[in-house]
Amino acid sequence: MRINVCGVGFDNVTMTEAIDRAMKILGGSQTCYAVTPNAEIVWEAMHDESLRSLINDASLVLPDGAGIVLGAKMLGTPLKEKVAGIEFAARLMEAMSHSGHKLYMLGSKPGVAEIAAEKCLEKYPGLQIAGTGDGYFKDEALVVGAINSSGADVVFVCLGAPKQEKFMRNHQQDLNVKLMIGLGGSLDGFAGNVKRAPQWMIRCNLEWFYRLLKDPRRLGRMMRLPKFILAVRKEARKKA
């Protein structure tokens, strides 16, 4: 059963449970996709029915951000914990380094996926990289063909929302992989182009503030967070 946060249903799982779910998908026969919405994306989904459907149709919907966890708590339906997309991806690569499943990295600027792959191979020596591709493509059919030819089991789809969600849903029947995961700008993080906040800030749920300090241009996007909290508060009052 999923936890409904303003129309978006989140799987109520811990990080360990999320990895277990992903590995179970890899052992199955279907092509599935996972999404990692934060409060900004949920705010957009509240006003975009098509995006909301793309998210809710995913096999795994993970709460990426303290805002989602806070919102669920305010609604009286708490989630177990935050499951950040980049941490989920890292834990999955660690598991895949022992399972033999192959990974394809798709997204970001030209060259970034290759650097991310190199650094992840250094960190997870047993990991198998099936291939890489940047996010600046025009012909999606060529991308689908490249992924299928690579023999990948998992694809990190880092195209940003809602492009990545549309790509995964539109090609769910075309791709021979087991699991696609929408991960936004995670490849830049794995490549070392964007550094995560210090651990103490992550523990204190201040990663959003760190990102804002590093890139003040994010202020416009960050304003969706207080709007989301106000919307949750309004919804909570209706349920009271």
C-alpha atoms as a PDB file:
ATOM      1  CA  MET A   1       0.000   0.000   0.000  1.00  0.00           C
ATOM      2  CA  ARG A   2       1.323   3.414  -0.969  1.00  0.00           C
ATOM      3  CA  ILE A   3       1.267   6.590   1.078  1.00  0.00           C
ATOM      4  CA  ASN A   4      -0.678   9.326  -0.716  1.00  0.00           C
ATOM      5  CA  VAL A   5       1.005  12.726  -0.577  1.00  0.00           C
ATOM      6  CA  CYS A   6      -1.081  15.265  -2.503  1.00  0.00           C
ATOM      7  CA  GLY A   7      -2.044  12.787  -5.190  1.00  0.00           C
ATOM      8  CA  VAL A   8       1.316  11.054  -5.519  1.00  0.00           C
ATOM      9  CA  GLY A   9       1.601   7.564  -4.057  1.00  0.00           C
ATOM     10  CA  PHE A  10       4.928   6.773  -2.371  1.00  0.00           C
ATOM     11  CA  ASP A  11       6.177   3.309  -1.496  1.00  0.00           C
ATOM     12  CA  ASN A  12       6.646   3.177   2.264  1.00  0.00           C
ATOM     13  CA  VAL A  13      10.071   1.558   2.315  1.00  0.00           C
ATOM     14  CA  THR A  14      13.446   1.970   3.960  1.00  0.00           C
ATOM     15  CA  MET A  15      16.555   2.207   1.815  1.00  0.00           C
ATOM     16  CA  THR A  16      17.293  -1.474   2.432  1.00  0.00           C
ATOM     17  CA  GLU A  17      13.743  -2.449   1.481  1.00  0.00           C
ATOM     18  CA  ALA A  18      13.948  -0.311  -1.665  1.00  0.00           C
ATOM     19  CA  ILE A  19      17.123  -2.123  -2.748  1.00  0.00           C
ATOM     20  CA  ASP A  20      15.464  -5.467  -2.040  1.00  0.00           C
ATOM     21  CA  ARG A  21      12.510  -4.429  -4.222  1.00  0.00           C
ATOM     22  CA  ALA A  22      14.860  -3.381  -7.028  1.00  0.00           C
ATOM     23  CA  MET A  23      16.777  -6.661  -6.895  1.00  0.00           C
ATOM     24  CA  LYS A  24      13.489  -8.569  -6.995  1.00  0.00           C
ATOM     25  CA  ILE A  25      12.548  -6.647 -10.150  1.00  0.00           C
ATOM     26  CA  LEU A  26      15.909  -7.631 -11.663  1.00  0.00           C
ATOM     27  CA  GLY A  27      15.032 -11.240 -11.015  1.00  0.00           C
ATOM     28  CA  GLY A  28      11.696 -10.911 -12.796  1.00  0.00           C
ATOM     29  CA  SER A  29      10.666 -10.948 -16.432  1.00  0.00           C
ATOM     30  CA  GLN A  30       9.078  -7.519 -16.869  1.00  0.00           C
ATOM     31  CA  THR A  31      10.518  -4.106 -17.728  1.00  0.00           C
ATOM     32  CA  CYS A  32       9.782  -1.733 -14.854  1.00  0.00           C
ATOM     33  CA  TYR A  33      10.680   1.823 -13.985  1.00  0.00           C
ATOM     34  CA  ALA A  34      11.291   3.647 -10.721  1.00  0.00           C
ATOM     35  CA  VAL A  35      10.967   7.343  -9.920  1.00  0.00           C
ATOM     36  CA  THR A  36      12.428   9.492  -7.152  1.00  0.00           C
ATOM     37  CA  PRO A  37      10.218  12.591  -6.748  1.00  0.00           C
ATOM     38  CA  ASN A  38      11.085  15.385  -4.334  1.00  0.00           C
ATOM     39  CA  ALA A  39       8.722  18.088  -3.090  1.00  0.00           C
ATOM     40  CA  GLU A  40       9.365  20.275  -6.149  1.00  0.00           C
ATOM     41  CA  ILE A  41       8.312  17.505  -8.509  1.00  0.00           C
ATOM     42  CA  VAL A  42       5.247  16.645  -6.430  1.00  0.00           C
ATOM     43  CA  TRP A  43       4.247  20.308  -6.548  1.00  0.00           C
ATOM     44  CA  GLU A  44       4.469  20.142 -10.339  1.00  0.00           C
ATOM     45  CA  ALA A  45       2.558  16.851 -10.393  1.00  0.00           C
ATOM     46  CA  MET A  46      -0.231  18.428  -8.347  1.00  0.00           C
ATOM     47  CA  HIS A  47      -0.834  20.771 -11.282  1.00  0.00           C
ATOM     48  CA  ASP A  48      -0.021  18.368 -14.115  1.00  0.00           C
ATOM     49  CA  GLU A  49      -2.209  15.282 -14.356  1.00  0.00           C
ATOM     50  CA  SER A  50      -0.016  13.662 -17.013  1.00  0.00           C
ATOM     51  CA  LEU A  51       3.099  13.943 -14.829  1.00  0.00           C
ATOM     52  CA  ARG A  52       1.152  12.646 -11.844  1.00  0.00           C
ATOM     53  CA  SER A  53       0.112   9.582 -13.860  1.00  0.00           C
ATOM     54  CA  LEU A  54       3.673   8.963 -15.044  1.00  0.00           C
ATOM     55  CA  ILE A  55       4.870   8.944 -11.445  1.00  0.00           C
ATOM     56  CA  ASN A  56       2.039   6.827 -10.062  1.00  0.00           C
ATOM     57  CA  ASP A  57       2.412   4.249 -12.844  1.00  0.00           C
ATOM     58  CA  ALA A  58       5.995   3.508 -11.757  1.00  0.00           C
ATOM     59  CA  SER A  59       6.744   0.192 -10.079  1.00  0.00           C
ATOM     60  CA  LEU A  60       8.704   1.971  -7.367  1.00  0.00           C
ATOM     61  CA  VAL A  61       8.104   5.538  -6.139  1.00  0.00           C
ATOM     62  CA  LEU A  62      10.749   6.672  -3.656  1.00  0.00           C
ATOM     63  CA  PRO A  63      10.553   9.774  -1.417  1.00  0.00           C
ATOM     64  CA  ASP A  64      13.609  11.809  -2.453  1.00  0.00           C
ATOM     65  CA  GLY A  65      13.723  14.653   0.022  1.00  0.00           C
ATOM     66  CA  ALA A  66      12.902  15.682   3.559  1.00  0.00           C
ATOM     67  CA  GLY A  67       9.964  17.726   2.259  1.00  0.00           C
ATOM     68  CA  ILE A  68       8.129  14.578   1.204  1.00  0.00           C
ATOM     69  CA  VAL A  69       8.758  12.887   4.554  1.00  0.00           C
ATOM     70  CA  LEU A  70       7.554  16.004   6.387  1.00  0.00           C
ATOM     71  CA  GLY A  71       4.474  16.241   4.164  1.00  0.00           C
ATOM     72  CA  ALA A  72       3.512  12.634   4.794  1.00  0.00           C
ATOM     73  CA  LYS A  73       3.916  13.153   8.547  1.00  0.00           C
ATOM     74  CA  MET A  74       1.749  16.291   8.457  1.00  0.00           C
ATOM     75  CA  LEU A  75      -0.958  14.281   6.690  1.00  0.00           C
ATOM     76  CA  GLY A  76      -0.910  11.685   9.453  1.00  0.00           C
ATOM     77  CA  THR A  77       0.486   8.946   7.194  1.00  0.00           C
ATOM     78  CA  PRO A  78       4.236   8.947   7.949  1.00  0.00           C
ATOM     79  CA  LEU A  79       6.790   7.353   5.679  1.00  0.00           C
ATOM     80  CA  LYS A  80       9.531   5.172   7.158  1.00  0.00           C
ATOM     81  CA  GLU A  81      12.367   7.373   5.897  1.00  0.00           C
ATOM     82  CA  LYS A  82      13.746   9.496   3.087  1.00  0.00           C
ATOM     83  CA  VAL A  83      15.184   7.430   0.239  1.00  0.00           C
ATOM     84  CA  ALA A  84      17.380   9.829  -1.733  1.00  0.00           C
ATOM     85  CA  GLY A  85      17.718   8.901  -5.386  1.00  0.00           C
ATOM     86  CA  ILE A  86      21.504   9.287  -5.610  1.00  0.00           C
ATOM     87  CA  GLU A  87      22.010   7.179  -2.467  1.00  0.00           C
ATOM     88  CA  PHE A  88      19.595   4.558  -3.778  1.00  0.00           C
ATOM     89  CA  ALA A  89      21.553   4.446  -7.048  1.00  0.00           C
ATOM     90  CA  ALA A  90      24.841   4.076  -5.177  1.00  0.00           C
ATOM     91  CA  ARG A  91      23.508   1.252  -3.010  1.00  0.00           C
ATOM     92  CA  LEU A  92      22.084  -0.471  -6.080  1.00  0.00           C
ATOM     93  CA  MET A  93      25.420  -0.271  -7.907  1.00  0.00           C
ATOM     94  CA  GLU A  94      27.072  -1.871  -4.888  1.00  0.00           C
ATOM     95  CA  ALA A  95      24.553  -4.715  -5.004  1.00  0.00           C
ATOM     96  CA  MET A  96      24.943  -5.064  -8.778  1.00  0.00           C
ATOM     97  CA  SER A  97      28.719  -5.314  -8.404  1.00  0.00           C
ATOM     98  CA  HIS A  98      28.080  -8.660  -6.706  1.00  0.00           C
ATOM     99  CA  SER A  99      25.076  -9.839  -8.741  1.00  0.00           C
ATOM    100  CA  GLY A 100      26.567  -9.436 -12.242  1.00  0.00           C
ATOM    101  CA  HIS A 101      23.788  -7.227 -13.575  1.00  0.00           C
ATOM    102  CA  LYS A 102      24.846  -4.670 -16.185  1.00  0.00           C
ATOM    103  CA  LEU A 103      24.254  -0.903 -16.001  1.00  0.00           C
ATOM    104  CA  TYR A 104      23.717   1.721 -18.706  1.00  0.00           C
ATOM    105  CA  MET A 105      24.091   5.407 -17.804  1.00  0.00           C
ATOM    106  CA  LEU A 106      22.046   7.891 -19.824  1.00  0.00           C
ATOM    107  CA  GLY A 107      21.963  11.650 -19.390  1.00  0.00           C
ATOM    108  CA  SER A 108      23.742  14.931 -18.669  1.00  0.00           C
ATOM    109  CA  LYS A 109      26.165  16.714 -21.013  1.00  0.00           C
ATOM    110  CA  PRO A 110      28.427  14.847 -23.442  1.00  0.00           C
ATOM    111  CA  GLY A 111      31.265  13.126 -21.593  1.00  0.00           C
ATOM    112  CA  VAL A 112      29.721  13.257 -18.128  1.00  0.00           C
ATOM    113  CA  ALA A 113      28.252   9.743 -18.192  1.00  0.00           C
ATOM    114  CA  GLU A 114      31.636   8.331 -19.227  1.00  0.00           C
ATOM    115  CA  ILE A 115      33.392  10.055 -16.316  1.00  0.00           C
ATOM    116  CA  ALA A 116      30.659   8.921 -13.925  1.00  0.00           C
ATOM    117  CA  ALA A 117      31.062   5.348 -15.180  1.00  0.00           C
ATOM    118  CA  GLU A 118      34.835   5.443 -14.660  1.00  0.00           C
ATOM    119  CA  LYS A 119      34.517   6.734 -11.103  1.00  0.00           C
ATOM    120  CA  CYS A 120      31.794   4.244 -10.221  1.00  0.00           C
ATOM    121  CA  LEU A 121      33.929   1.394 -11.563  1.00  0.00           C
ATOM    122  CA  GLU A 122      36.727   2.533  -9.277  1.00  0.00           C
ATOM    123  CA  LYS A 123      34.376   2.531  -6.297  1.00  0.00           C
ATOM    124  CA  TYR A 124      32.550  -0.689  -7.204  1.00  0.00           C
ATOM    125  CA  PRO A 125      35.166  -2.889  -8.951  1.00  0.00           C
ATOM    126  CA  GLY A 126      32.736  -5.701  -9.780  1.00  0.00           C
ATOM    127  CA  LEU A 127      30.231  -3.370 -11.463  1.00  0.00           C
ATOM    128  CA  GLN A 128      29.619  -3.989 -15.160  1.00  0.00           C
ATOM    129  CA  ILE A 129      28.962  -0.896 -17.290  1.00  0.00           C
ATOM    130  CA  ALA A 130      27.104  -1.898 -20.449  1.00  0.00           C
ATOM    131  CA  GLY A 131      27.293   1.556 -22.015  1.00  0.00           C
ATOM    132  CA  THR A 132      26.780   5.296 -21.663  1.00  0.00           C
ATOM    133  CA  GLY A 133      25.001   8.068 -23.536  1.00  0.00           C
ATOM    134  CA  ASP A 134      24.436  11.794 -23.035  1.00  0.00           C
ATOM    135  CA  GLY A 135      21.070  13.474 -22.691  1.00  0.00           C
ATOM    136  CA  TYR A 136      21.403  15.681 -25.783  1.00  0.00           C
ATOM    137  CA  PHE A 137      19.764  13.302 -28.246  1.00  0.00           C
ATOM    138  CA  LYS A 138      17.018  13.978 -30.772  1.00  0.00           C
ATOM    139  CA  ASP A 139      16.211  10.477 -31.989  1.00  0.00           C
ATOM    140  CA  GLU A 140      14.923   8.377 -29.109  1.00  0.00           C
ATOM    141  CA  ALA A 141      14.791   5.279 -31.318  1.00  0.00           C
ATOM    142  CA  LEU A 142      18.573   5.371 -31.669  1.00  0.00           C
ATOM    143  CA  VAL A 143      18.945   5.590 -27.895  1.00  0.00           C
ATOM    144  CA  VAL A 144      16.586   2.651 -27.372  1.00  0.00           C
ATOM    145  CA  GLY A 145      18.550   0.638 -29.925  1.00  0.00           C
ATOM    146  CA  ALA A 146      21.862   1.437 -28.246  1.00  0.00           C
ATOM    147  CA  ILE A 147      20.538   0.387 -24.825  1.00  0.00           C
ATOM    148  CA  ASN A 148      19.094  -2.860 -26.165  1.00  0.00           C
ATOM    149  CA  SER A 149      22.319  -3.667 -28.037  1.00  0.00           C
ATOM    150  CA  SER A 150      24.350  -3.101 -24.860  1.00  0.00           C
ATOM    151  CA  GLY A 151      22.703  -5.954 -22.975  1.00  0.00           C
ATOM    152  CA  ALA A 152      22.004  -3.714 -19.981  1.00  0.00           C
ATOM    153  CA  ASP A 153      19.759  -4.850 -17.141  1.00  0.00           C
ATOM    154  CA  VAL A 154      19.436  -1.429 -15.485  1.00  0.00           C
ATOM    155  CA  VAL A 155      19.372   2.086 -16.946  1.00  0.00           C
ATOM    156  CA  PHE A 156      19.993   5.235 -14.944  1.00  0.00           C
ATOM    157  CA  VAL A 157      17.844   7.757 -16.831  1.00  0.00           C
ATOM    158  CA  CYS A 158      19.163  11.181 -15.843  1.00  0.00           C
ATOM    159  CA  LEU A 159      17.264  13.584 -18.080  1.00  0.00           C
ATOM    160  CA  GLY A 160      15.451  15.682 -15.481  1.00  0.00           C
ATOM    161  CA  ALA A 161      11.714  15.704 -14.782  1.00  0.00           C
ATOM    162  CA  PRO A 162       9.421  15.270 -16.598  1.00  0.00           C
ATOM    163  CA  LYS A 163      11.575  14.262 -19.603  1.00  0.00           C
ATOM    164  CA  GLN A 164      12.994  11.197 -17.874  1.00  0.00           C
ATOM    165  CA  GLU A 165       9.587   9.992 -16.701  1.00  0.00           C
ATOM    166  CA  LYS A 166       8.170  10.391 -20.214  1.00  0.00           C
ATOM    167  CA  PHE A 167      11.116   8.537 -21.733  1.00  0.00           C
ATOM    168  CA  MET A 168      10.785   5.617 -19.340  1.00  0.00           C
ATOM    169  CA  ARG A 169       7.020   5.243 -19.719  1.00  0.00           C
ATOM    170  CA  ASN A 170       7.048   5.729 -23.501  1.00  0.00           C
ATOM    171  CA  HIS A 171       9.724   3.081 -24.015  1.00  0.00           C
ATOM    172  CA  GLN A 172       8.776   0.614 -21.320  1.00  0.00           C
ATOM    173  CA  GLN A 173       7.611  -1.851 -23.965  1.00  0.00           C
ATOM    174  CA  ASP A 174      10.533  -1.169 -26.333  1.00  0.00           C
ATOM    175  CA  LEU A 175      13.440  -1.733 -23.973  1.00  0.00           C
ATOM    176  CA  ASN A 176      14.780  -5.154 -23.028  1.00  0.00           C
ATOM    177  CA  VAL A 177      16.100  -3.987 -19.650  1.00  0.00           C
ATOM    178  CA  LYS A 178      14.611  -4.993 -16.317  1.00  0.00           C
ATOM    179  CA  LEU A 179      14.680  -1.636 -14.526  1.00  0.00           C
ATOM    180  CA  MET A 180      14.918   2.037 -15.486  1.00  0.00           C
ATOM    181  CA  ILE A 181      15.407   4.636 -12.753  1.00  0.00           C
ATOM    182  CA  GLY A 182      14.794   8.366 -13.121  1.00  0.00           C
ATOM    183  CA  LEU A 183      17.642  10.078 -11.275  1.00  0.00           C
ATOM    184  CA  GLY A 184      17.742  13.722 -12.377  1.00  0.00           C
ATOM    185  CA  GLY A 185      21.245  15.165 -12.068  1.00  0.00           C
ATOM    186  CA  SER A 186      22.802  12.166 -10.324  1.00  0.00           C
ATOM    187  CA  LEU A 187      25.369  11.531 -13.069  1.00  0.00           C
ATOM    188  CA  ASP A 188      26.931  14.923 -12.365  1.00  0.00           C
ATOM    189  CA  GLY A 189      27.198  13.869  -8.747  1.00  0.00           C
ATOM    190  CA  PHE A 190      28.833  10.544  -9.588  1.00  0.00           C
ATOM    191  CA  ALA A 191      31.190  12.308 -12.011  1.00  0.00           C
ATOM    192  CA  GLY A 192      32.235  14.740  -9.286  1.00  0.00           C
ATOM    193  CA  ASN A 193      30.916  17.824 -11.093  1.00  0.00           C
ATOM    194  CA  VAL A 194      28.403  18.521  -8.322  1.00  0.00           C
ATOM    195  CA  LYS A 195      29.260  17.808  -4.707  1.00  0.00           C
ATOM    196  CA  ARG A 196      26.670  16.736  -2.177  1.00  0.00           C
ATOM    197  CA  ALA A 197      26.231  18.587   1.081  1.00  0.00           C
ATOM    198  CA  PRO A 198      28.334  17.578   4.106  1.00  0.00           C
ATOM    199  CA  GLN A 199      26.891  14.628   6.000  1.00  0.00           C
ATOM    200  CA  TRP A 200      25.854  16.784   8.958  1.00  0.00           C
ATOM    201  CA  MET A 201      23.731  18.945   6.656  1.00  0.00           C
ATOM    202  CA  ILE A 202      22.163  15.870   5.075  1.00  0.00           C
ATOM    203  CA  ARG A 203      21.357  14.478   8.542  1.00  0.00           C
ATOM    204  CA  CYS A 204      19.784  17.821   9.516  1.00  0.00           C
ATOM    205  CA  ASN A 205      17.732  17.896   6.291  1.00  0.00           C
ATOM    206  CA  LEU A 206      19.592  20.988   5.086  1.00  0.00           C
ATOM    207  CA  GLU A 207      20.823  19.635   1.774  1.00  0.00           C
ATOM    208  CA  TRP A 208      18.420  21.962  -0.051  1.00  0.00           C
ATOM    209  CA  PHE A 209      20.091  24.951   1.656  1.00  0.00           C
ATOM    210  CA  TYR A 210      23.536  23.738   0.613  1.00  0.00           C
ATOM    211  CA  ARG A 211      22.380  23.474  -3.002  1.00  0.00           C
ATOM    212  CA  LEU A 212      20.958  26.965  -2.844  1.00  0.00           C
ATOM    213  CA  LEU A 213      24.212  28.367  -1.495  1.00  0.00           C
ATOM    214  CA  LYS A 214      26.146  26.659  -4.275  1.00  0.00           C
ATOM    215  CA  ASP A 215      23.721  27.764  -6.980  1.00  0.00           C
ATOM    216  CA  PRO A 216      21.537  30.798  -6.079  1.00  0.00           C
ATOM    217  CA  ARG A 217      19.785  30.408  -9.439  1.00  0.00           C
ATOM    218  CA  ARG A 218      17.871  27.530  -7.849  1.00  0.00           C
ATOM    219  CA  LEU A 219      15.887  30.015  -5.728  1.00  0.00           C
ATOM    220  CA  GLY A 220      12.957  30.054  -8.166  1.00  0.00           C
ATOM    221  CA  ARG A 221      12.706  26.269  -8.057  1.00  0.00           C
ATOM    222  CA  MET A 222      13.166  26.230  -4.274  1.00  0.00           C
ATOM    223  CA  MET A 223      10.088  28.419  -3.857  1.00  0.00           C
ATOM    224  CA  ARG A 224       8.015  25.391  -4.772  1.00  0.00           C
ATOM    225  CA  LEU A 225       8.952  23.806  -1.441  1.00  0.00           C
ATOM    226  CA  PRO A 226       7.083  26.293   0.813  1.00  0.00           C
ATOM    227  CA  LYS A 227       4.170  26.190  -1.660  1.00  0.00           C
ATOM    228  CA  PHE A 228       4.142  22.405  -1.332  1.00  0.00           C
ATOM    229  CA  ILE A 229       4.154  22.599   2.486  1.00  0.00           C
ATOM    230  CA  LEU A 230       1.266  25.084   2.445  1.00  0.00           C
ATOM    231  CA  ALA A 231      -0.682  22.763   0.139  1.00  0.00           C
ATOM    232  CA  VAL A 232      -0.022  19.838   2.478  1.00  0.00           C
ATOM    233  CA  ARG A 233      -1.167  21.890   5.466  1.00  0.00           C
ATOM    234  CA  LYS A 234      -4.378  22.738   3.616  1.00  0.00           C
ATOM    235  CA  GLU A 235      -4.932  19.068   2.787  1.00  0.00           C
ATOM    236  CA  ALA A 236      -4.272  18.084   6.412  1.00  0.00           C
ATOM    237  CA  ARG A 237      -6.907  20.535   7.607  1.00  0.00           C
ATOM    238  CA  LYS A 238      -9.456  18.938   5.274  1.00  0.00           C
ATOM    239  CA  LYS A 239      -8.714  15.525   6.776  1.00  0.00           C
ATOM    240  CA  ALA A 240      -8.899  16.784  10.364  1.00  0.00           C
END
